[in-house]
PDB file of all heavy atoms in Angstrom:
ATOM      1  N   ARG A   1      -7.404  20.074 -22.489  1.00  0.00           N
ATOM      2  CA  ARG A   1      -8.008  21.179 -23.249  1.00  0.00           C
ATOM      3  C   ARG A   1      -9.011  21.925 -22.267  1.00  0.00           C
ATOM      4  O   ARG A   1      -8.986  23.180 -22.209  1.00  0.00           O
ATOM      5  CB  ARG A   1      -8.689  20.653 -24.504  1.00  0.00           C
ATOM      6  CG  ARG A   1      -9.297  21.897 -25.280  1.00  0.00           C
ATOM      7  CD  ARG A   1     -10.180  21.362 -26.470  1.00  0.00           C
ATOM      8  NE  ARG A   1      -9.359  20.681 -27.407  1.00  0.00           N
ATOM      9  CZ  ARG A   1      -8.745  21.366 -28.470  1.00  0.00           C
ATOM     10  NH1 ARG A   1      -8.978  22.682 -28.617  1.00  0.00           N
ATOM     11  NH2 ARG A   1      -8.042  20.729 -29.376  1.00  0.00           N
ATOM     12  N   THR A   2      -9.908  21.189 -21.622  1.00  0.00           N
ATOM     13  CA  THR A   2     -10.906  21.762 -20.798  1.00  0.00           C
ATOM     14  C   THR A   2     -10.295  22.413 -19.585  1.00  0.00           C
ATOM     15  O   THR A   2     -10.651  23.668 -19.317  1.00  0.00           O
ATOM     16  CB  THR A   2     -11.846  20.743 -20.321  1.00  0.00           C
ATOM     17  OG1 THR A   2     -12.535  20.126 -21.408  1.00  0.00           O
ATOM     18  CG2 THR A   2     -12.948  21.293 -19.400  1.00  0.00           C
ATOM     19  N   LEU A   3      -9.244  21.904 -18.971  1.00  0.00           N
ATOM     20  CA  LEU A   3      -8.676  22.531 -17.804  1.00  0.00           C
ATOM     21  C   LEU A   3      -7.984  23.769 -18.157  1.00  0.00           C
ATOM     22  O   LEU A   3      -8.116  24.864 -17.575  1.00  0.00           O
ATOM     23  CB  LEU A   3      -7.590  21.506 -17.226  1.00  0.00           C
ATOM     24  CG  LEU A   3      -8.192  20.496 -16.288  1.00  0.00           C
ATOM     25  CD1 LEU A   3      -7.047  19.455 -15.900  1.00  0.00           C
ATOM     26  CD2 LEU A   3      -8.722  21.073 -14.969  1.00  0.00           C
ATOM     27  N   LEU A   4      -7.185  23.789 -19.273  1.00  0.00           N
ATOM     28  CA  LEU A   4      -6.430  24.937 -19.694  1.00  0.00           C
ATOM     29  C   LEU A   4      -7.273  26.109 -20.137  1.00  0.00           C
ATOM     30  O   LEU A   4      -6.976  27.278 -19.903  1.00  0.00           O
ATOM     31  CB  LEU A   4      -5.424  24.569 -20.715  1.00  0.00           C
ATOM     32  CG  LEU A   4      -4.290  23.595 -20.242  1.00  0.00           C
ATOM     33  CD1 LEU A   4      -3.420  23.168 -21.451  1.00  0.00           C
ATOM     34  CD2 LEU A   4      -3.387  24.307 -19.195  1.00  0.00           C
ATOM     35  N   THR A   5      -8.347  25.825 -20.942  1.00  0.00           N
ATOM     36  CA  THR A   5      -9.117  26.801 -21.461  1.00  0.00           C
ATOM     37  C   THR A   5     -10.165  27.382 -20.362  1.00  0.00           C
ATOM     38  O   THR A   5     -10.371  28.535 -20.301  1.00  0.00           O
ATOM     39  CB  THR A   5      -9.966  26.374 -22.711  1.00  0.00           C
ATOM     40  OG1 THR A   5     -10.670  25.221 -22.350  1.00  0.00           O
ATOM     41  CG2 THR A   5      -8.970  26.102 -23.773  1.00  0.00           C
ATOM     42  N   SER A   6     -10.777  26.519 -19.512  1.00  0.00           N
ATOM     43  CA  SER A   6     -11.684  26.896 -18.544  1.00  0.00           C
ATOM     44  C   SER A   6     -11.059  27.681 -17.360  1.00  0.00           C
ATOM     45  O   SER A   6     -11.740  28.492 -16.707  1.00  0.00           O
ATOM     46  CB  SER A   6     -12.519  25.716 -17.963  1.00  0.00           C
ATOM     47  OG  SER A   6     -11.638  24.836 -17.236  1.00  0.00           O
ATOM     48  N   THR A   7      -9.801  27.377 -17.034  1.00  0.00           N
ATOM     49  CA  THR A   7      -9.116  28.031 -15.900  1.00  0.00           C
ATOM     50  C   THR A   7      -8.241  29.238 -16.340  1.00  0.00           C
ATOM     51  O   THR A   7      -7.666  29.945 -15.587  1.00  0.00           O
ATOM     52  CB  THR A   7      -8.321  27.129 -15.108  1.00  0.00           C
ATOM     53  OG1 THR A   7      -7.234  26.577 -15.948  1.00  0.00           O
ATOM     54  CG2 THR A   7      -9.147  25.879 -14.568  1.00  0.00           C
ATOM     55  N   GLY A   8      -8.150  29.505 -17.631  1.00  0.00           N
ATOM     56  CA  GLY A   8      -7.288  30.496 -18.135  1.00  0.00           C
ATOM     57  C   GLY A   8      -7.884  31.889 -17.906  1.00  0.00           C
ATOM     58  O   GLY A   8      -9.096  31.992 -17.647  1.00  0.00           O
ATOM     59  N   ASP A   9      -7.095  32.877 -17.814  1.00  0.00           N
ATOM     60  CA  ASP A   9      -7.527  34.248 -17.689  1.00  0.00           C
ATOM     61  C   ASP A   9      -7.917  34.833 -18.983  1.00  0.00           C
ATOM     62  O   ASP A   9      -7.176  34.864 -19.935  1.00  0.00           O
ATOM     63  CB  ASP A   9      -6.380  35.084 -17.037  1.00  0.00           C
ATOM     64  CG  ASP A   9      -5.991  34.631 -15.739  1.00  0.00           C
ATOM     65  OD1 ASP A   9      -6.831  34.028 -15.072  1.00  0.00           O
ATOM     66  OD2 ASP A   9      -4.860  34.968 -15.253  1.00  0.00           O
ATOM     67  N   GLY A  10      -9.152  35.300 -19.084  1.00  0.00           N
ATOM     68  CA  GLY A  10      -9.734  35.852 -20.332  1.00  0.00           C
ATOM     69  C   GLY A  10      -9.033  37.100 -20.859  1.00  0.00           C
ATOM     70  O   GLY A  10      -8.873  38.022 -20.033  1.00  0.00           O
ATOM     71  N   ILE A  11      -8.533  37.026 -22.019  1.00  0.00           N
ATOM     72  CA  ILE A  11      -7.840  38.236 -22.632  1.00  0.00           C
ATOM     73  C   ILE A  11      -8.550  38.623 -23.841  1.00  0.00           C
ATOM     74  O   ILE A  11      -8.784  37.819 -24.756  1.00  0.00           O
ATOM     75  CB  ILE A  11      -6.354  37.804 -22.988  1.00  0.00           C
ATOM     76  CG1 ILE A  11      -5.550  37.274 -21.737  1.00  0.00           C
ATOM     77  CG2 ILE A  11      -5.633  39.028 -23.659  1.00  0.00           C
ATOM     78  CD1 ILE A  11      -5.451  38.260 -20.660  1.00  0.00           C
ATOM     79  N   PHE A  12      -8.901  39.948 -23.935  1.00  0.00           N
ATOM     80  CA  PHE A  12      -9.689  40.374 -25.033  1.00  0.00           C
ATOM     81  C   PHE A  12      -8.681  40.757 -26.174  1.00  0.00           C
ATOM     82  O   PHE A  12      -7.656  41.436 -26.049  1.00  0.00           O
ATOM     83  CB  PHE A  12     -10.476  41.673 -24.685  1.00  0.00           C
ATOM     84  CG  PHE A  12     -11.188  42.231 -25.774  1.00  0.00           C
ATOM     85  CD1 PHE A  12     -12.339  41.548 -26.284  1.00  0.00           C
ATOM     86  CD2 PHE A  12     -10.860  43.475 -26.415  1.00  0.00           C
ATOM     87  CE1 PHE A  12     -13.157  42.060 -27.387  1.00  0.00           C
ATOM     88  CE2 PHE A  12     -11.587  43.898 -27.413  1.00  0.00           C
ATOM     89  CZ  PHE A  12     -12.736  43.295 -27.841  1.00  0.00           C
ATOM     90  N   ASP A  13      -9.033  40.180 -27.374  1.00  0.00           N
ATOM     91  CA  ASP A  13      -8.164  40.386 -28.575  1.00  0.00           C
ATOM     92  C   ASP A  13      -9.044  41.449 -29.416  1.00  0.00           C
ATOM     93  O   ASP A  13     -10.003  41.042 -30.089  1.00  0.00           O
ATOM     94  CB  ASP A  13      -7.960  39.089 -29.283  1.00  0.00           C
ATOM     95  CG  ASP A  13      -7.014  39.211 -30.430  1.00  0.00           C
ATOM     96  OD1 ASP A  13      -6.765  40.429 -30.903  1.00  0.00           O
ATOM     97  OD2 ASP A  13      -6.496  38.252 -31.039  1.00  0.00           O
ATOM     98  N   SER A  14      -8.552  42.641 -29.494  1.00  0.00           N
ATOM     99  CA  SER A  14      -9.340  43.698 -30.148  1.00  0.00           C
ATOM    100  C   SER A  14      -9.390  43.501 -31.674  1.00  0.00           C
ATOM    101  O   SER A  14     -10.247  44.052 -32.337  1.00  0.00           O
ATOM    102  CB  SER A  14      -8.768  45.007 -29.839  1.00  0.00           C
ATOM    103  OG  SER A  14      -7.445  45.186 -30.215  1.00  0.00           O
ATOM    104  N   ARG A  15      -8.500  42.703 -32.178  1.00  0.00           N
ATOM    105  CA  ARG A  15      -8.419  42.498 -33.630  1.00  0.00           C
ATOM    106  C   ARG A  15      -9.651  41.633 -34.230  1.00  0.00           C
ATOM    107  O   ARG A  15      -9.970  41.866 -35.385  1.00  0.00           O
ATOM    108  CB  ARG A  15      -7.165  41.924 -34.100  1.00  0.00           C
ATOM    109  CG  ARG A  15      -5.904  42.850 -33.872  1.00  0.00           C
ATOM    110  CD  ARG A  15      -4.585  42.195 -34.332  1.00  0.00           C
ATOM    111  NE  ARG A  15      -4.361  40.895 -33.723  1.00  0.00           N
ATOM    112  CZ  ARG A  15      -3.545  40.040 -34.118  1.00  0.00           C
ATOM    113  NH1 ARG A  15      -2.980  40.067 -35.320  1.00  0.00           N
ATOM    114  NH2 ARG A  15      -3.269  38.971 -33.467  1.00  0.00           N
ATOM    115  N   ASN A  16     -10.275  40.864 -33.327  1.00  0.00           N
ATOM    116  CA  ASN A  16     -11.337  40.136 -33.866  1.00  0.00           C
ATOM    117  C   ASN A  16     -12.529  40.046 -32.819  1.00  0.00           C
ATOM    118  O   ASN A  16     -13.569  39.370 -33.060  1.00  0.00           O
ATOM    119  CB  ASN A  16     -10.941  38.689 -34.220  1.00  0.00           C
ATOM    120  CG  ASN A  16     -10.302  37.890 -33.058  1.00  0.00           C
ATOM    121  OD1 ASN A  16     -10.572  38.281 -31.862  1.00  0.00           O
ATOM    122  ND2 ASN A  16      -9.509  36.941 -33.339  1.00  0.00           N
ATOM    123  N   GLY A  17     -12.351  40.778 -31.715  1.00  0.00           N
ATOM    124  CA  GLY A  17     -13.432  40.927 -30.774  1.00  0.00           C
ATOM    125  C   GLY A  17     -13.659  39.709 -29.861  1.00  0.00           C
ATOM    126  O   GLY A  17     -14.681  39.579 -29.174  1.00  0.00           O
ATOM    127  N   ARG A  18     -12.680  38.737 -29.931  1.00  0.00           N
ATOM    128  CA  ARG A  18     -12.855  37.554 -29.016  1.00  0.00           C
ATOM    129  C   ARG A  18     -12.170  37.690 -27.688  1.00  0.00           C
ATOM    130  O   ARG A  18     -11.127  38.436 -27.600  1.00  0.00           O
ATOM    131  CB  ARG A  18     -12.242  36.343 -29.788  1.00  0.00           C
ATOM    132  CG  ARG A  18     -13.006  35.893 -30.955  1.00  0.00           C
ATOM    133  CD  ARG A  18     -12.475  34.508 -31.434  1.00  0.00           C
ATOM    134  NE  ARG A  18     -12.678  33.460 -30.449  1.00  0.00           N
ATOM    135  CZ  ARG A  18     -11.826  32.486 -30.288  1.00  0.00           C
ATOM    136  NH1 ARG A  18     -10.687  32.429 -30.931  1.00  0.00           N
ATOM    137  NH2 ARG A  18     -12.029  31.509 -29.250  1.00  0.00           N
ATOM    138  N   THR A  19     -12.646  37.007 -26.709  1.00  0.00           N
ATOM    139  CA  THR A  19     -11.901  36.851 -25.406  1.00  0.00           C
ATOM    140  C   THR A  19     -11.426  35.485 -25.413  1.00  0.00           C
ATOM    141  O   THR A  19     -12.098  34.460 -25.431  1.00  0.00           O
ATOM    142  CB  THR A  19     -12.811  37.149 -24.236  1.00  0.00           C
ATOM    143  OG1 THR A  19     -13.252  38.517 -24.253  1.00  0.00           O
ATOM    144  CG2 THR A  19     -12.073  36.927 -22.946  1.00  0.00           C
ATOM    145  N   ILE A  20     -10.106  35.330 -25.275  1.00  0.00           N
ATOM    146  CA  ILE A  20      -9.355  34.074 -25.459  1.00  0.00           C
ATOM    147  C   ILE A  20      -8.643  33.811 -24.134  1.00  0.00           C
ATOM    148  O   ILE A  20      -7.937  34.698 -23.596  1.00  0.00           O
ATOM    149  CB  ILE A  20      -8.356  34.126 -26.576  1.00  0.00           C
ATOM    150  CG1 ILE A  20      -9.154  34.378 -27.915  1.00  0.00           C
ATOM    151  CG2 ILE A  20      -7.571  32.792 -26.662  1.00  0.00           C
ATOM    152  CD1 ILE A  20      -8.252  34.686 -29.072  1.00  0.00           C
ATOM    153  N   PRO A  21      -8.661  32.584 -23.591  1.00  0.00           N
ATOM    154  CA  PRO A  21      -8.045  32.305 -22.262  1.00  0.00           C
ATOM    155  C   PRO A  21      -6.525  32.298 -22.398  1.00  0.00           C
ATOM    156  O   PRO A  21      -5.983  31.681 -23.347  1.00  0.00           O
ATOM    157  CB  PRO A  21      -8.585  30.951 -21.887  1.00  0.00           C
ATOM    158  CG  PRO A  21      -8.957  30.316 -23.195  1.00  0.00           C
ATOM    159  CD  PRO A  21      -9.467  31.391 -24.028  1.00  0.00           C
ATOM    160  N   ARG A  22      -5.859  32.919 -21.464  1.00  0.00           N
ATOM    161  CA  ARG A  22      -4.408  32.895 -21.388  1.00  0.00           C
ATOM    162  C   ARG A  22      -4.140  31.794 -20.287  1.00  0.00           C
ATOM    163  O   ARG A  22      -4.648  32.005 -19.217  1.00  0.00           O
ATOM    164  CB  ARG A  22      -3.791  34.248 -20.978  1.00  0.00           C
ATOM    165  CG  ARG A  22      -2.332  34.269 -21.072  1.00  0.00           C
ATOM    166  CD  ARG A  22      -1.557  34.150 -19.672  1.00  0.00           C
ATOM    167  NE  ARG A  22      -1.937  35.207 -18.899  1.00  0.00           N
ATOM    168  CZ  ARG A  22      -2.296  35.157 -17.564  1.00  0.00           C
ATOM    169  NH1 ARG A  22      -2.287  33.922 -17.033  1.00  0.00           N
ATOM    170  NH2 ARG A  22      -2.506  36.159 -16.902  1.00  0.00           N
ATOM    171  N   VAL A  23      -3.307  30.917 -20.598  1.00  0.00           N
ATOM    172  CA  VAL A  23      -3.031  29.747 -19.692  1.00  0.00           C
ATOM    173  C   VAL A  23      -2.615  30.274 -18.379  1.00  0.00           C
ATOM    174  O   VAL A  23      -1.813  31.219 -18.162  1.00  0.00           O
ATOM    175  CB  VAL A  23      -1.990  28.843 -20.375  1.00  0.00           C
ATOM    176  CG1 VAL A  23      -0.638  29.560 -20.457  1.00  0.00           C
ATOM    177  CG2 VAL A  23      -1.752  27.598 -19.385  1.00  0.00           C
ATOM    178  N   ASN A  24      -3.220  29.650 -17.300  1.00  0.00           N
ATOM    179  CA  ASN A  24      -2.946  29.962 -15.848  1.00  0.00           C
ATOM    180  C   ASN A  24      -2.598  28.617 -15.205  1.00  0.00           C
ATOM    181  O   ASN A  24      -3.492  27.850 -14.889  1.00  0.00           O
ATOM    182  CB  ASN A  24      -4.130  30.610 -15.158  1.00  0.00           C
ATOM    183  CG  ASN A  24      -3.782  31.044 -13.822  1.00  0.00           C
ATOM    184  OD1 ASN A  24      -3.133  30.309 -13.048  1.00  0.00           O
ATOM    185  ND2 ASN A  24      -4.466  32.137 -13.376  1.00  0.00           N
ATOM    186  N   GLY A  25      -1.351  28.338 -15.106  1.00  0.00           N
ATOM    187  CA  GLY A  25      -0.805  27.011 -14.602  1.00  0.00           C
ATOM    188  C   GLY A  25      -1.354  26.732 -13.231  1.00  0.00           C
ATOM    189  O   GLY A  25      -1.804  25.581 -12.891  1.00  0.00           O
ATOM    190  N   ASP A  26      -1.274  27.694 -12.232  1.00  0.00           N
ATOM    191  CA  ASP A  26      -1.699  27.532 -10.882  1.00  0.00           C
ATOM    192  C   ASP A  26      -3.257  27.150 -10.851  1.00  0.00           C
ATOM    193  O   ASP A  26      -3.579  26.199 -10.155  1.00  0.00           O
ATOM    194  CB  ASP A  26      -1.475  28.775 -10.012  1.00  0.00           C
ATOM    195  CG  ASP A  26       0.013  28.977  -9.737  1.00  0.00           C
ATOM    196  OD1 ASP A  26       0.715  27.947  -9.870  1.00  0.00           O
ATOM    197  OD2 ASP A  26       0.297  30.196  -9.401  1.00  0.00           O
ATOM    198  N   ALA A  27      -3.980  27.899 -11.573  1.00  0.00           N
ATOM    199  CA  ALA A  27      -5.456  27.590 -11.529  1.00  0.00           C
ATOM    200  C   ALA A  27      -5.747  26.226 -12.143  1.00  0.00           C
ATOM    201  O   ALA A  27      -6.590  25.581 -11.648  1.00  0.00           O
ATOM    202  CB  ALA A  27      -6.156  28.716 -12.296  1.00  0.00           C
ATOM    203  N   ALA A  28      -5.116  25.911 -13.293  1.00  0.00           N
ATOM    204  CA  ALA A  28      -5.339  24.563 -13.871  1.00  0.00           C
ATOM    205  C   ALA A  28      -4.886  23.454 -12.953  1.00  0.00           C
ATOM    206  O   ALA A  28      -5.582  22.432 -12.898  1.00  0.00           O
ATOM    207  CB  ALA A  28      -4.550  24.534 -15.217  1.00  0.00           C
ATOM    208  N   LEU A  29      -3.800  23.663 -12.286  1.00  0.00           N
ATOM    209  CA  LEU A  29      -3.368  22.608 -11.353  1.00  0.00           C
ATOM    210  C   LEU A  29      -4.320  22.367 -10.187  1.00  0.00           C
ATOM    211  O   LEU A  29      -4.685  21.303  -9.839  1.00  0.00           O
ATOM    212  CB  LEU A  29      -1.953  23.000 -10.735  1.00  0.00           C
ATOM    213  CG  LEU A  29      -1.339  21.943  -9.788  1.00  0.00           C
ATOM    214  CD1 LEU A  29      -1.189  20.513 -10.388  1.00  0.00           C
ATOM    215  CD2 LEU A  29      -0.009  22.441  -9.223  1.00  0.00           C
ATOM    216  N   SER A  30      -4.816  23.548  -9.592  1.00  0.00           N
ATOM    217  CA  SER A  30      -5.786  23.443  -8.472  1.00  0.00           C
ATOM    218  C   SER A  30      -7.046  22.699  -9.004  1.00  0.00           C
ATOM    219  O   SER A  30      -7.504  21.864  -8.300  1.00  0.00           O
ATOM    220  CB  SER A  30      -6.119  24.815  -8.042  1.00  0.00           C
ATOM    221  OG  SER A  30      -4.968  25.473  -7.490  1.00  0.00           O
ATOM    222  N   ALA A  31      -7.472  22.933 -10.180  1.00  0.00           N
ATOM    223  CA  ALA A  31      -8.654  22.340 -10.782  1.00  0.00           C
ATOM    224  C   ALA A  31      -8.446  20.839 -10.926  1.00  0.00           C
ATOM    225  O   ALA A  31      -9.286  19.954 -10.671  1.00  0.00           O
ATOM    226  CB  ALA A  31      -9.090  22.961 -12.024  1.00  0.00           C
ATOM    227  N   ALA A  32      -7.206  20.536 -11.450  1.00  0.00           N
ATOM    228  CA  ALA A  32      -6.927  19.088 -11.675  1.00  0.00           C
ATOM    229  C   ALA A  32      -6.850  18.352 -10.354  1.00  0.00           C
ATOM    230  O   ALA A  32      -7.386  17.142 -10.286  1.00  0.00           O
ATOM    231  CB  ALA A  32      -5.607  18.953 -12.384  1.00  0.00           C
ATOM    232  N   LEU A  33      -6.369  18.942  -9.299  1.00  0.00           N
ATOM    233  CA  LEU A  33      -6.284  18.217  -8.053  1.00  0.00           C
ATOM    234  C   LEU A  33      -7.611  18.161  -7.349  1.00  0.00           C
ATOM    235  O   LEU A  33      -7.939  17.194  -6.706  1.00  0.00           O
ATOM    236  CB  LEU A  33      -5.332  18.989  -7.082  1.00  0.00           C
ATOM    237  CG  LEU A  33      -3.780  18.940  -7.605  1.00  0.00           C
ATOM    238  CD1 LEU A  33      -2.939  19.716  -6.649  1.00  0.00           C
ATOM    239  CD2 LEU A  33      -3.380  17.414  -7.704  1.00  0.00           C
ATOM    240  N   ASP A  34      -8.515  19.171  -7.595  1.00  0.00           N
ATOM    241  CA  ASP A  34      -9.834  19.157  -7.090  1.00  0.00           C
ATOM    242  C   ASP A  34     -10.670  18.006  -7.774  1.00  0.00           C
ATOM    243  O   ASP A  34     -11.410  17.306  -7.047  1.00  0.00           O
ATOM    244  CB  ASP A  34     -10.595  20.471  -7.367  1.00  0.00           C
ATOM    245  CG  ASP A  34     -10.124  21.563  -6.364  1.00  0.00           C
ATOM    246  OD1 ASP A  34      -9.483  21.150  -5.438  1.00  0.00           O
ATOM    247  OD2 ASP A  34     -10.393  22.678  -6.688  1.00  0.00           O
ATOM    248  N   ILE A  35     -10.452  17.766  -9.089  1.00  0.00           N
ATOM    249  CA  ILE A  35     -11.096  16.714  -9.750  1.00  0.00           C
ATOM    250  C   ILE A  35     -10.702  15.356  -9.166  1.00  0.00           C
ATOM    251  O   ILE A  35     -11.572  14.522  -8.906  1.00  0.00           O
ATOM    252  CB  ILE A  35     -10.781  16.778 -11.231  1.00  0.00           C
ATOM    253  CG1 ILE A  35     -11.409  17.959 -11.929  1.00  0.00           C
ATOM    254  CG2 ILE A  35     -11.277  15.477 -11.897  1.00  0.00           C
ATOM    255  CD1 ILE A  35     -10.949  18.171 -13.356  1.00  0.00           C
ATOM    256  N   PHE A  36      -9.452  15.172  -8.874  1.00  0.00           N
ATOM    257  CA  PHE A  36      -8.945  13.994  -8.210  1.00  0.00           C
ATOM    258  C   PHE A  36      -9.476  13.730  -6.924  1.00  0.00           C
ATOM    259  O   PHE A  36      -9.973  12.651  -6.504  1.00  0.00           O
ATOM    260  CB  PHE A  36      -7.407  14.002  -8.247  1.00  0.00           C
ATOM    261  CG  PHE A  36      -6.905  12.841  -7.449  1.00  0.00           C
ATOM    262  CD1 PHE A  36      -6.808  11.552  -8.043  1.00  0.00           C
ATOM    263  CD2 PHE A  36      -6.499  12.966  -6.104  1.00  0.00           C
ATOM    264  CE1 PHE A  36      -6.373  10.496  -7.221  1.00  0.00           C
ATOM    265  CE2 PHE A  36      -6.043  11.894  -5.292  1.00  0.00           C
ATOM    266  CZ  PHE A  36      -5.948  10.613  -5.927  1.00  0.00           C
ATOM    267  N   SER A  37      -9.461  14.825  -6.102  1.00  0.00           N
ATOM    268  CA  SER A  37      -9.930  14.703  -4.798  1.00  0.00           C
ATOM    269  C   SER A  37     -11.397  14.336  -4.708  1.00  0.00           C
ATOM    270  O   SER A  37     -11.858  13.499  -3.931  1.00  0.00           O
ATOM    271  CB  SER A  37      -9.741  16.075  -4.014  1.00  0.00           C
ATOM    272  OG  SER A  37     -10.217  16.022  -2.740  1.00  0.00           O
ATOM    273  N   ASP A  38     -12.227  14.997  -5.570  1.00  0.00           N
ATOM    274  CA  ASP A  38     -13.616  14.641  -5.498  1.00  0.00           C
ATOM    275  C   ASP A  38     -13.834  13.240  -5.951  1.00  0.00           C
ATOM    276  O   ASP A  38     -14.699  12.544  -5.324  1.00  0.00           O
ATOM    277  CB  ASP A  38     -14.378  15.537  -6.549  1.00  0.00           C
ATOM    278  CG  ASP A  38     -14.461  17.068  -6.108  1.00  0.00           C
ATOM    279  OD1 ASP A  38     -14.197  17.240  -4.873  1.00  0.00           O
ATOM    280  OD2 ASP A  38     -14.708  17.900  -6.931  1.00  0.00           O
ATOM    281  N   GLY A  39     -13.148  12.726  -6.951  1.00  0.00           N
ATOM    282  CA  GLY A  39     -13.323  11.372  -7.334  1.00  0.00           C
ATOM    283  C   GLY A  39     -12.855  10.399  -6.246  1.00  0.00           C
ATOM    284  O   GLY A  39     -13.462   9.299  -6.037  1.00  0.00           O
TER     285      GLY A  39
END
């Protein structure tokens, strides 16, 4: 949940004024591998 929402591209939804992350697989994968590498 954290990976997909934190690395997603923010998309503004004018119907309720929220910016919601659109899944970005490449960015999520890079973040996951960085977490592994750091550990």
